[in-house]
Amino acid sequence: MPDTYPLELSVEETKRLLDDTPADVMLIDVREPDEVARCRIAGAQSIPMGQIPEQVGTLPKDKHLLIHCHHGGRSMRVTQFLRANGFDAVTNVAGGIDAWSQQIDPTVPRY
């Protein structure tokens, strides 16, 4: 794993990491359950933003955590929170699932 991790990655870079190094990364969806019910990225682990503080102890520190939400705002806050709490390998997915739908997988519904 690299020494430094970018604060933010594009959906294209995220897709490449998921495809090339699936054992080294974990995609975490911080949207609310009703949003996840509408659409999701296959393989993403759902942890609503409000539950992140209580779940922090369950997150792996040996994986690159890729955090996404709807457009990237909530996930950036979660990324910054995790970095402030000892997680170096955590990156926001810029544009969130909306960008994923537009640029990676058009079968993912937009809302």
C-alpha atoms as a PDB file:
ATOM      1  CA  MET A   1       0.000   0.000   0.000  1.00  0.00           C
ATOM      2  CA  PRO A   2       1.298   3.499  -0.742  1.00  0.00           C
ATOM      3  CA  ASP A   3       2.582   5.795   1.993  1.00  0.00           C
ATOM      4  CA  THR A   4       0.134   8.562   1.167  1.00  0.00           C
ATOM      5  CA  TYR A   5      -3.429   8.359  -0.043  1.00  0.00           C
ATOM      6  CA  PRO A   6      -5.227  11.073  -2.000  1.00  0.00           C
ATOM      7  CA  LEU A   7      -7.996  12.918  -0.190  1.00  0.00           C
ATOM      8  CA  GLU A   8     -10.262  12.389  -3.198  1.00  0.00           C
ATOM      9  CA  LEU A   9     -10.441  10.115  -6.257  1.00  0.00           C
ATOM     10  CA  SER A  10     -12.595  10.215  -9.369  1.00  0.00           C
ATOM     11  CA  VAL A  11     -15.124   7.446  -9.979  1.00  0.00           C
ATOM     12  CA  GLU A  12     -12.874   6.208 -12.810  1.00  0.00           C
ATOM     13  CA  GLU A  13      -9.905   5.883 -10.442  1.00  0.00           C
ATOM     14  CA  THR A  14     -12.151   4.233  -7.856  1.00  0.00           C
ATOM     15  CA  LYS A  15     -13.387   1.675 -10.416  1.00  0.00           C
ATOM     16  CA  ARG A  16      -9.780   0.904 -11.412  1.00  0.00           C
ATOM     17  CA  LEU A  17      -8.811   0.257  -7.764  1.00  0.00           C
ATOM     18  CA  LEU A  18     -11.866  -1.953  -7.221  1.00  0.00           C
ATOM     19  CA  ASP A  19     -11.047  -3.938 -10.375  1.00  0.00           C
ATOM     20  CA  ASP A  20      -7.261  -4.149  -9.970  1.00  0.00           C
ATOM     21  CA  THR A  21      -6.811  -4.542  -6.202  1.00  0.00           C
ATOM     22  CA  PRO A  22     -10.119  -5.768  -4.742  1.00  0.00           C
ATOM     23  CA  ALA A  23      -8.439  -7.388  -1.717  1.00  0.00           C
ATOM     24  CA  ASP A  24      -6.764  -4.088  -0.771  1.00  0.00           C
ATOM     25  CA  VAL A  25      -9.766  -1.760  -0.874  1.00  0.00           C
ATOM     26  CA  MET A  26     -13.170  -1.443   0.779  1.00  0.00           C
ATOM     27  CA  LEU A  27     -15.949   0.680  -0.717  1.00  0.00           C
ATOM     28  CA  ILE A  28     -18.150   2.188   1.996  1.00  0.00           C
ATOM     29  CA  ASP A  29     -21.509   3.792   1.200  1.00  0.00           C
ATOM     30  CA  VAL A  30     -22.440   6.379   3.872  1.00  0.00           C
ATOM     31  CA  ARG A  31     -25.897   7.198   2.476  1.00  0.00           C
ATOM     32  CA  GLU A  32     -29.082   6.526   4.435  1.00  0.00           C
ATOM     33  CA  PRO A  33     -30.839   3.129   4.131  1.00  0.00           C
ATOM     34  CA  ASP A  34     -33.685   4.564   2.006  1.00  0.00           C
ATOM     35  CA  GLU A  35     -31.090   5.896  -0.479  1.00  0.00           C
ATOM     36  CA  VAL A  36     -29.266   2.563  -0.586  1.00  0.00           C
ATOM     37  CA  ALA A  37     -32.625   0.869  -1.267  1.00  0.00           C
ATOM     38  CA  ARG A  38     -32.987   3.034  -4.408  1.00  0.00           C
ATOM     39  CA  CYS A  39     -29.610   2.147  -5.870  1.00  0.00           C
ATOM     40  CA  ARG A  40     -26.196   0.872  -4.856  1.00  0.00           C
ATOM     41  CA  ILE A  41     -22.756   0.049  -6.179  1.00  0.00           C
ATOM     42  CA  ALA A  42     -22.231  -3.717  -6.094  1.00  0.00           C
ATOM     43  CA  GLY A  43     -19.897  -4.755  -3.309  1.00  0.00           C
ATOM     44  CA  ALA A  44     -20.197  -1.545  -1.296  1.00  0.00           C
ATOM     45  CA  GLN A  45     -20.642  -1.885   2.460  1.00  0.00           C
ATOM     46  CA  SER A  46     -23.447   0.306   3.779  1.00  0.00           C
ATOM     47  CA  ILE A  47     -22.672   2.283   6.949  1.00  0.00           C
ATOM     48  CA  PRO A  48     -24.872   5.401   7.239  1.00  0.00           C
ATOM     49  CA  MET A  49     -22.883   8.533   8.052  1.00  0.00           C
ATOM     50  CA  GLY A  50     -24.436   8.862  11.520  1.00  0.00           C
ATOM     51  CA  GLN A  51     -23.216   5.367  12.451  1.00  0.00           C
ATOM     52  CA  ILE A  52     -19.577   5.923  11.440  1.00  0.00           C
ATOM     53  CA  PRO A  53     -18.399   7.103  14.915  1.00  0.00           C
ATOM     54  CA  GLU A  54     -19.765   3.963  16.604  1.00  0.00           C
ATOM     55  CA  GLN A  55     -18.471   1.705  13.796  1.00  0.00           C
ATOM     56  CA  VAL A  56     -14.965   3.187  13.686  1.00  0.00           C
ATOM     57  CA  GLY A  57     -13.535   0.296  15.691  1.00  0.00           C
ATOM     58  CA  THR A  58     -14.844  -2.253  13.202  1.00  0.00           C
ATOM     59  CA  LEU A  59     -13.218  -0.673  10.135  1.00  0.00           C
ATOM     60  CA  PRO A  60     -10.032  -2.281   8.818  1.00  0.00           C
ATOM     61  CA  LYS A  61      -6.844  -0.216   8.941  1.00  0.00           C
ATOM     62  CA  ASP A  62      -5.092  -2.583   6.517  1.00  0.00           C
ATOM     63  CA  LYS A  63      -7.356  -1.667   3.577  1.00  0.00           C
ATOM     64  CA  HIS A  64      -7.737   1.500   1.521  1.00  0.00           C
ATOM     65  CA  LEU A  65     -11.206   2.765   2.483  1.00  0.00           C
ATOM     66  CA  LEU A  66     -13.085   4.420  -0.379  1.00  0.00           C
ATOM     67  CA  ILE A  67     -15.994   6.471   0.964  1.00  0.00           C
ATOM     68  CA  HIS A  68     -18.964   7.463  -1.202  1.00  0.00           C
ATOM     69  CA  CYS A  69     -22.407   9.036  -0.830  1.00  0.00           C
ATOM     70  CA  HIS A  70     -24.847  10.657  -3.265  1.00  0.00           C
ATOM     71  CA  HIS A  71     -22.700  13.540  -4.584  1.00  0.00           C
ATOM     72  CA  GLY A  72     -19.579  13.513  -2.389  1.00  0.00           C
ATOM     73  CA  GLY A  73     -20.348  15.967   0.430  1.00  0.00           C
ATOM     74  CA  ARG A  74     -21.208  13.583   3.256  1.00  0.00           C
ATOM     75  CA  SER A  75     -18.491  11.172   2.192  1.00  0.00           C
ATOM     76  CA  MET A  76     -15.884  13.962   2.307  1.00  0.00           C
ATOM     77  CA  ARG A  77     -16.922  14.746   5.888  1.00  0.00           C
ATOM     78  CA  VAL A  78     -16.640  11.049   6.785  1.00  0.00           C
ATOM     79  CA  THR A  79     -13.235  10.857   5.045  1.00  0.00           C
ATOM     80  CA  GLN A  80     -11.990  13.830   7.077  1.00  0.00           C
ATOM     81  CA  PHE A  81     -13.439  12.367  10.302  1.00  0.00           C
ATOM     82  CA  LEU A  82     -11.726   9.011   9.730  1.00  0.00           C
ATOM     83  CA  ARG A  83      -8.409  10.677   8.874  1.00  0.00           C
ATOM     84  CA  ALA A  84      -8.657  12.700  12.094  1.00  0.00           C
ATOM     85  CA  ASN A  85      -9.253   9.437  13.975  1.00  0.00           C
ATOM     86  CA  GLY A  86      -6.170   7.531  12.866  1.00  0.00           C
ATOM     87  CA  PHE A  87      -7.122   6.217   9.425  1.00  0.00           C
ATOM     88  CA  ASP A  88      -4.498   7.241   6.866  1.00  0.00           C
ATOM     89  CA  ALA A  89      -5.744   5.037   4.019  1.00  0.00           C
ATOM     90  CA  VAL A  90      -9.118   6.674   3.431  1.00  0.00           C
ATOM     91  CA  THR A  91     -10.256   8.539   0.327  1.00  0.00           C
ATOM     92  CA  ASN A  92     -13.438  10.294  -0.767  1.00  0.00           C
ATOM     93  CA  VAL A  93     -15.066   9.247  -4.049  1.00  0.00           C
ATOM     94  CA  ALA A  94     -15.675  12.542  -5.875  1.00  0.00           C
ATOM     95  CA  GLY A  95     -19.190  12.915  -7.256  1.00  0.00           C
ATOM     96  CA  GLY A  96     -20.516   9.883  -5.369  1.00  0.00           C
ATOM     97  CA  ILE A  97     -22.982   7.401  -6.763  1.00  0.00           C
ATOM     98  CA  ASP A  98     -24.434  10.070  -9.063  1.00  0.00           C
ATOM     99  CA  ALA A  99     -21.099  10.366 -10.905  1.00  0.00           C
ATOM    100  CA  TRP A 100     -20.758   6.558 -10.830  1.00  0.00           C
ATOM    101  CA  SER A 101     -24.124   6.260 -12.603  1.00  0.00           C
ATOM    102  CA  GLN A 102     -23.166   8.855 -15.229  1.00  0.00           C
ATOM    103  CA  GLN A 103     -19.596   7.735 -15.909  1.00  0.00           C
ATOM    104  CA  ILE A 104     -19.226   4.067 -14.904  1.00  0.00           C
ATOM    105  CA  ASP A 105     -22.523   2.181 -14.770  1.00  0.00           C
ATOM    106  CA  PRO A 106     -25.635   3.718 -16.341  1.00  0.00           C
ATOM    107  CA  THR A 107     -27.750   0.840 -14.964  1.00  0.00           C
ATOM    108  CA  VAL A 108     -27.387   2.444 -11.495  1.00  0.00           C
ATOM    109  CA  PRO A 109     -30.495   4.660 -11.186  1.00  0.00           C
ATOM    110  CA  ARG A 110     -30.014   8.373 -10.571  1.00  0.00           C
ATOM    111  CA  TYR A 111     -32.113  10.303  -8.048  1.00  0.00           C
END
